[in-house]
Amino acid sequence: MRGNIAQLMQQAQKMQEDLQRAQEELANLEVTGNAGGGMVSVTLSGRMECRKVRIDPGALSDPEMAEDLIAAAFNDAVNKANAASQEKMGAATAGMPLPPGMKLPF
């Protein structure tokens, strides 16, 4: 019984280290979302902080279209950041049995 607890504690410690490493990698990650065939691009960090917005001058001739393109590019970047986060966090928790429906980080 003691051996099992020690082994579980080692697995938990390794998982915690892996999660911390994955979170650090995500903080340094940058993803770029695009819309309008590249007329608008939005770059976000892995922590969803906006780093850069690029708007083609041609997109500014129609303000409503520019607004839609900015929103679409931002959503594209968010989706990419979320996918990268799930991938990195999934790799960090691989092999650790978690109850169904439980997601990390909490």
C-alpha atoms as a PDB file:
ATOM      1  CA  MET A   1       0.000   0.000   0.000  1.00  0.00           C
ATOM      2  CA  ARG A   2       2.822   2.416   0.888  1.00  0.00           C
ATOM      3  CA  GLY A   3       4.514   1.775  -2.431  1.00  0.00           C
ATOM      4  CA  ASN A   4       1.340   2.716  -4.297  1.00  0.00           C
ATOM      5  CA  ILE A   5       0.990   5.987  -2.410  1.00  0.00           C
ATOM      6  CA  ALA A   6       4.636   6.875  -3.017  1.00  0.00           C
ATOM      7  CA  GLN A   7       4.224   6.066  -6.698  1.00  0.00           C
ATOM      8  CA  LEU A   8       1.078   8.217  -6.915  1.00  0.00           C
ATOM      9  CA  MET A   9       2.865  11.085  -5.197  1.00  0.00           C
ATOM     10  CA  GLN A  10       5.736  10.847  -7.692  1.00  0.00           C
ATOM     11  CA  GLN A  11       3.271  10.832 -10.602  1.00  0.00           C
ATOM     12  CA  ALA A  12       1.453  13.847  -9.162  1.00  0.00           C
ATOM     13  CA  GLN A  13       4.716  15.743  -8.703  1.00  0.00           C
ATOM     14  CA  LYS A  14       5.802  14.961 -12.272  1.00  0.00           C
ATOM     15  CA  MET A  15       2.397  16.043 -13.597  1.00  0.00           C
ATOM     16  CA  GLN A  16       2.643  19.299 -11.636  1.00  0.00           C
ATOM     17  CA  GLU A  17       6.083  19.985 -13.115  1.00  0.00           C
ATOM     18  CA  ASP A  18       4.805  19.162 -16.608  1.00  0.00           C
ATOM     19  CA  LEU A  19       1.809  21.482 -16.134  1.00  0.00           C
ATOM     20  CA  GLN A  20       4.040  24.305 -14.968  1.00  0.00           C
ATOM     21  CA  ARG A  21       6.317  23.822 -17.977  1.00  0.00           C
ATOM     22  CA  ALA A  22       3.300  23.768 -20.314  1.00  0.00           C
ATOM     23  CA  GLN A  23       1.942  26.988 -18.773  1.00  0.00           C
ATOM     24  CA  GLU A  24       5.316  28.688 -19.270  1.00  0.00           C
ATOM     25  CA  GLU A  25       5.385  27.562 -22.894  1.00  0.00           C
ATOM     26  CA  LEU A  26       1.861  28.889 -23.401  1.00  0.00           C
ATOM     27  CA  ALA A  27       2.835  32.255 -21.933  1.00  0.00           C
ATOM     28  CA  ASN A  28       5.546  32.545 -24.593  1.00  0.00           C
ATOM     29  CA  LEU A  29       3.357  31.249 -27.418  1.00  0.00           C
ATOM     30  CA  GLU A  30       1.988  33.644 -30.026  1.00  0.00           C
ATOM     31  CA  VAL A  31      -0.797  32.762 -32.447  1.00  0.00           C
ATOM     32  CA  THR A  32      -2.125  34.826 -35.324  1.00  0.00           C
ATOM     33  CA  GLY A  33      -5.706  34.816 -36.531  1.00  0.00           C
ATOM     34  CA  ASN A  34      -6.597  36.060 -39.989  1.00  0.00           C
ATOM     35  CA  ALA A  35      -9.732  37.220 -41.779  1.00  0.00           C
ATOM     36  CA  GLY A  36     -10.640  38.569 -45.172  1.00  0.00           C
ATOM     37  CA  GLY A  37      -7.921  36.674 -46.967  1.00  0.00           C
ATOM     38  CA  GLY A  38      -5.259  38.265 -44.778  1.00  0.00           C
ATOM     39  CA  MET A  39      -6.705  41.791 -44.839  1.00  0.00           C
ATOM     40  CA  VAL A  40      -6.820  41.706 -41.037  1.00  0.00           C
ATOM     41  CA  SER A  41      -4.604  39.769 -38.655  1.00  0.00           C
ATOM     42  CA  VAL A  42      -4.620  39.653 -34.869  1.00  0.00           C
ATOM     43  CA  THR A  43      -1.752  38.199 -32.837  1.00  0.00           C
ATOM     44  CA  LEU A  44      -2.437  36.942 -29.306  1.00  0.00           C
ATOM     45  CA  SER A  45      -0.245  35.438 -26.628  1.00  0.00           C
ATOM     46  CA  GLY A  46      -1.091  32.064 -25.151  1.00  0.00           C
ATOM     47  CA  ARG A  47      -2.618  33.988 -22.250  1.00  0.00           C
ATOM     48  CA  MET A  48      -5.037  35.724 -24.643  1.00  0.00           C
ATOM     49  CA  GLU A  49      -3.243  39.068 -24.485  1.00  0.00           C
ATOM     50  CA  CYS A  50      -3.412  41.006 -27.739  1.00  0.00           C
ATOM     51  CA  ARG A  51       0.105  41.581 -29.073  1.00  0.00           C
ATOM     52  CA  LYS A  52      -0.519  43.054 -32.510  1.00  0.00           C
ATOM     53  CA  VAL A  53      -3.310  44.016 -34.906  1.00  0.00           C
ATOM     54  CA  ARG A  54      -2.599  44.533 -38.606  1.00  0.00           C
ATOM     55  CA  ILE A  55      -5.255  46.024 -40.891  1.00  0.00           C
ATOM     56  CA  ASP A  56      -4.800  46.385 -44.638  1.00  0.00           C
ATOM     57  CA  PRO A  57      -5.661  49.975 -45.618  1.00  0.00           C
ATOM     58  CA  GLY A  58      -8.132  48.620 -48.180  1.00  0.00           C
ATOM     59  CA  ALA A  59     -10.247  47.188 -45.371  1.00  0.00           C
ATOM     60  CA  LEU A  60     -10.752  50.651 -43.883  1.00  0.00           C
ATOM     61  CA  SER A  61     -12.850  51.916 -46.800  1.00  0.00           C
ATOM     62  CA  ASP A  62     -15.884  50.125 -45.297  1.00  0.00           C
ATOM     63  CA  PRO A  63     -15.941  50.575 -41.500  1.00  0.00           C
ATOM     64  CA  GLU A  64     -18.596  47.888 -40.913  1.00  0.00           C
ATOM     65  CA  MET A  65     -16.624  45.344 -42.941  1.00  0.00           C
ATOM     66  CA  ALA A  66     -13.441  46.290 -41.043  1.00  0.00           C
ATOM     67  CA  GLU A  67     -15.235  45.720 -37.727  1.00  0.00           C
ATOM     68  CA  ASP A  68     -16.436  42.287 -38.873  1.00  0.00           C
ATOM     69  CA  LEU A  69     -12.979  41.331 -40.130  1.00  0.00           C
ATOM     70  CA  ILE A  70     -11.328  42.391 -36.860  1.00  0.00           C
ATOM     71  CA  ALA A  71     -13.828  40.350 -34.841  1.00  0.00           C
ATOM     72  CA  ALA A  72     -13.352  37.335 -37.125  1.00  0.00           C
ATOM     73  CA  ALA A  73      -9.539  37.565 -36.954  1.00  0.00           C
ATOM     74  CA  PHE A  74      -9.672  37.875 -33.154  1.00  0.00           C
ATOM     75  CA  ASN A  75     -11.951  34.823 -32.888  1.00  0.00           C
ATOM     76  CA  ASP A  76      -9.646  32.872 -35.199  1.00  0.00           C
ATOM     77  CA  ALA A  77      -6.674  33.715 -32.961  1.00  0.00           C
ATOM     78  CA  VAL A  78      -8.603  32.738 -29.817  1.00  0.00           C
ATOM     79  CA  ASN A  79      -9.533  29.385 -31.361  1.00  0.00           C
ATOM     80  CA  LYS A  80      -5.900  28.740 -32.274  1.00  0.00           C
ATOM     81  CA  ALA A  81      -4.704  29.706 -28.786  1.00  0.00           C
ATOM     82  CA  ASN A  82      -7.297  27.430 -27.165  1.00  0.00           C
ATOM     83  CA  ALA A  83      -6.302  24.522 -29.408  1.00  0.00           C
ATOM     84  CA  ALA A  84      -2.626  25.019 -28.540  1.00  0.00           C
ATOM     85  CA  SER A  85      -3.509  25.199 -24.843  1.00  0.00           C
ATOM     86  CA  GLN A  86      -5.499  21.971 -24.962  1.00  0.00           C
ATOM     87  CA  GLU A  87      -2.696  20.240 -26.827  1.00  0.00           C
ATOM     88  CA  LYS A  88       0.004  21.328 -24.356  1.00  0.00           C
ATOM     89  CA  MET A  89      -2.092  20.642 -21.255  1.00  0.00           C
ATOM     90  CA  GLY A  90      -3.188  17.277 -22.650  1.00  0.00           C
ATOM     91  CA  ALA A  91       0.426  16.302 -23.190  1.00  0.00           C
ATOM     92  CA  ALA A  92       1.286  17.387 -19.645  1.00  0.00           C
ATOM     93  CA  THR A  93      -1.412  15.183 -18.115  1.00  0.00           C
ATOM     94  CA  ALA A  94      -0.938  12.195 -20.429  1.00  0.00           C
ATOM     95  CA  GLY A  95      -0.832   8.924 -18.555  1.00  0.00           C
ATOM     96  CA  MET A  96      -2.397  10.353 -15.406  1.00  0.00           C
ATOM     97  CA  PRO A  97      -5.820   8.816 -14.854  1.00  0.00           C
ATOM     98  CA  LEU A  98      -8.393  11.562 -14.346  1.00  0.00           C
ATOM     99  CA  PRO A  99     -12.094  11.084 -13.646  1.00  0.00           C
ATOM    100  CA  PRO A 100     -14.368  11.574 -16.683  1.00  0.00           C
ATOM    101  CA  GLY A 101     -15.202  15.219 -17.283  1.00  0.00           C
ATOM    102  CA  MET A 102     -12.347  16.521 -15.134  1.00  0.00           C
ATOM    103  CA  LYS A 103     -10.206  19.043 -16.974  1.00  0.00           C
ATOM    104  CA  LEU A 104      -6.934  20.679 -16.031  1.00  0.00           C
ATOM    105  CA  PRO A 105      -5.989  23.310 -15.119  1.00  0.00           C
ATOM    106  CA  PHE A 106      -8.849  23.606 -12.633  1.00  0.00           C
END
